[in-house]
Amino acid sequence: MMYGVYPYFLLQLIITLTVIIALWFLVTYLLRKWLNINKESLHSNQQFNIDYNQIYWSIRILFLLIMITGFVINLERDPFERFKFLEPFFLLFIYLLVSQVTRAFIQWKYIGNRNVAIYILSRLFLVIAFIISFIITNAWGLF
C-alpha cells in the first residue's frame, strides 16, 4: 500500500462511478417514461425560463454570500469547534434542496405541468437518498 491507496483503488473507483452513472440514467429514463415527459417539456416554456432564471440567480447569489460568510466565521473559530451548518458541503446540500424544490414549485404552481414537478422532486429524492446512504455506509464499504 503506497501512500494509503491500495493497488486496485482507481479501478474500483471507475467501476463504482460507472455503475452509479448508469443507474442514474436508467432511473431518470424510467421516470420520464412513467410520467410521460419528453426532454423538450422540461424547458419548453420561455416565460418560465425568464422568471425562473431571476429566482434561480437570486438563490445562487444568496447561497454564495452565505458560503462566504460561513467561511469567514469558521475561519476565526477553532478547527474542532466550527459550525457544521456553515461548512461548504452542508451549504451545497441545502442549496441543491432549495433550488430544486423552487424549480418544482414553479413548475407545479405557475406552469401547471405537474408531471415535470413530480419528476424533479423524484430526482431530488434519489440524489438525497444516494448522498445520505453514501455518507452513512462509508461509501457502501467499498473504499
Protein backbone atom coordinates (compact mmCIF):
# COMPACT_ATOMS: atom_id res chain seq x y z
CA MET A 1 0.00 0.00 0.00
CA MET A 2 1.62 3.22 -1.15
CA TYR A 3 0.56 6.48 0.48
CA GLY A 4 -2.66 4.96 1.83
CA VAL A 5 -4.04 3.92 -1.56
CA TYR A 6 -4.27 0.21 -2.30
CA PRO A 7 -3.44 -1.10 -5.78
CA TYR A 8 -6.97 -1.53 -7.15
CA PHE A 9 -8.38 1.72 -5.81
CA LEU A 10 -8.54 3.51 -9.17
CA LEU A 11 -10.16 0.55 -10.90
CA GLN A 12 -12.71 0.17 -8.11
CA LEU A 13 -13.46 3.90 -8.22
CA ILE A 14 -14.00 3.86 -12.00
CA ILE A 15 -16.29 0.83 -11.79
CA THR A 16 -18.28 2.35 -8.94
CA LEU A 17 -18.72 5.68 -10.74
CA THR A 18 -19.73 3.88 -13.95
CA VAL A 19 -22.38 1.85 -12.13
CA ILE A 20 -23.71 4.95 -10.33
CA ILE A 21 -23.93 6.98 -13.54
CA ALA A 22 -25.58 4.10 -15.43
CA LEU A 23 -28.14 3.66 -12.64
CA TRP A 24 -28.82 7.40 -12.62
CA PHE A 25 -29.52 7.48 -16.37
CA LEU A 26 -31.65 4.34 -16.15
CA VAL A 27 -33.76 5.69 -13.29
CA THR A 28 -34.27 9.10 -14.92
CA TYR A 29 -35.16 7.41 -18.23
CA LEU A 30 -37.72 5.18 -16.49
CA LEU A 31 -39.16 8.15 -14.59
CA ARG A 32 -39.56 10.12 -17.82
CA LYS A 33 -41.31 7.20 -19.49
CA TRP A 34 -43.53 6.53 -16.48
CA LEU A 35 -44.59 10.20 -16.18
CA ASN A 36 -44.83 10.72 -19.98
CA ILE A 37 -42.26 13.50 -20.07
CA ASN A 38 -40.06 14.17 -23.06
CA LYS A 39 -36.82 16.11 -22.79
CA GLU A 40 -38.27 19.16 -24.53
CA SER A 41 -41.06 19.60 -21.97
CA LEU A 42 -38.53 20.11 -19.19
CA HIS A 43 -37.59 23.56 -20.56
CA SER A 44 -40.29 24.29 -23.09
CA ASN A 45 -41.89 27.43 -21.68
CA GLN A 46 -39.88 30.59 -22.40
CA GLN A 47 -41.63 32.72 -19.77
CA PHE A 48 -40.92 30.05 -17.19
CA ASN A 49 -37.23 30.20 -18.09
CA ILE A 50 -37.10 34.00 -17.72
CA ASP A 51 -38.94 34.06 -14.37
CA TYR A 52 -37.14 31.03 -13.04
CA ASN A 53 -33.72 32.40 -14.02
CA GLN A 54 -34.31 35.53 -11.95
CA ILE A 55 -35.33 33.48 -8.92
CA TYR A 56 -32.57 30.94 -9.50
CA TRP A 57 -29.87 33.61 -9.72
CA SER A 58 -31.20 35.19 -6.54
CA ILE A 59 -30.87 31.82 -4.78
CA ARG A 60 -27.34 31.37 -6.19
CA ILE A 61 -26.18 34.80 -5.03
CA LEU A 62 -27.76 34.33 -1.60
CA PHE A 63 -26.04 30.97 -1.09
CA LEU A 64 -22.75 32.36 -2.33
CA LEU A 65 -22.96 35.15 0.24
CA ILE A 66 -23.92 32.66 2.95
CA MET A 67 -21.00 30.44 1.95
CA ILE A 68 -18.52 33.32 2.09
CA THR A 69 -19.92 34.47 5.44
CA GLY A 70 -19.77 30.92 6.79
CA PHE A 71 -16.17 30.59 5.63
CA VAL A 72 -15.19 33.81 7.40
CA ILE A 73 -17.00 32.81 10.59
CA ASN A 74 -15.49 29.32 10.63
CA LEU A 75 -12.05 30.66 9.76
CA GLU A 76 -11.98 32.58 13.05
CA ARG A 77 -13.05 29.58 15.12
CA ASP A 78 -11.03 26.67 16.45
CA PRO A 79 -10.98 23.82 13.87
CA PHE A 80 -12.72 21.47 16.31
CA GLU A 81 -15.43 24.00 17.20
CA ARG A 82 -16.57 25.01 13.73
CA PHE A 83 -20.25 25.32 12.89
CA LYS A 84 -21.10 22.31 10.75
CA PHE A 85 -24.09 24.07 9.20
CA LEU A 86 -21.72 26.70 7.75
CA GLU A 87 -19.40 24.15 6.14
CA PRO A 88 -19.45 24.16 2.31
CA PHE A 89 -20.63 20.56 1.91
CA PHE A 90 -23.67 21.22 4.09
CA LEU A 91 -24.47 24.51 2.36
CA LEU A 92 -24.20 22.87 -1.08
CA PHE A 93 -26.59 20.16 0.08
CA ILE A 94 -29.08 22.81 1.26
CA TYR A 95 -28.58 24.76 -1.98
CA LEU A 96 -29.43 21.67 -4.03
CA LEU A 97 -32.54 21.13 -1.97
CA VAL A 98 -33.76 24.75 -2.14
CA SER A 99 -33.08 25.24 -5.85
CA GLN A 100 -34.80 22.03 -6.94
CA VAL A 101 -37.81 22.50 -4.66
CA THR A 102 -38.16 26.03 -6.03
CA ARG A 103 -37.99 24.75 -9.59
CA ALA A 104 -40.59 22.06 -8.87
CA PHE A 105 -42.86 24.59 -7.14
CA ILE A 106 -42.72 26.96 -10.11
CA GLN A 107 -43.47 24.09 -12.49
CA TRP A 108 -46.36 22.93 -10.31
CA LYS A 109 -47.91 26.30 -9.48
CA TYR A 110 -47.35 28.56 -12.46
CA ILE A 111 -46.77 26.30 -15.44
CA GLY A 112 -49.23 23.63 -14.43
CA ASN A 113 -47.01 20.81 -15.63
CA ARG A 114 -47.43 18.59 -12.58
CA ASN A 115 -45.63 15.58 -14.04
CA VAL A 116 -42.45 17.60 -14.50
CA ALA A 117 -42.67 18.78 -10.89
CA ILE A 118 -43.06 15.18 -9.72
CA TYR A 119 -40.10 14.21 -11.91
CA ILE A 120 -37.92 16.98 -10.41
CA LEU A 121 -38.85 16.03 -6.84
CA SER A 122 -38.29 12.33 -7.55
CA ARG A 123 -34.79 13.02 -8.86
CA LEU A 124 -34.11 15.23 -5.84
CA PHE A 125 -35.23 12.44 -3.51
CA LEU A 126 -32.95 9.97 -5.30
CA VAL A 127 -29.95 12.28 -5.02
CA ILE A 128 -30.60 12.92 -1.32
CA ALA A 129 -31.06 9.20 -0.63
CA PHE A 130 -27.85 8.42 -2.52
CA ILE A 131 -25.81 11.05 -0.67
CA ILE A 132 -27.13 10.05 2.74
CA SER A 133 -26.57 6.33 2.08
CA PHE A 134 -23.09 7.08 0.75
CA ILE A 135 -22.16 9.01 3.89
CA ILE A 136 -23.80 6.68 6.43
CA THR A 137 -22.38 3.46 4.97
CA ASN A 138 -18.92 4.92 4.35
CA ALA A 139 -19.23 4.54 0.57
CA TRP A 140 -21.07 1.22 0.98
CA GLY A 141 -17.89 -0.26 2.45
CA LEU A 142 -16.10 -0.10 -0.89
CA PHE A 143 -13.23 2.20 0.00
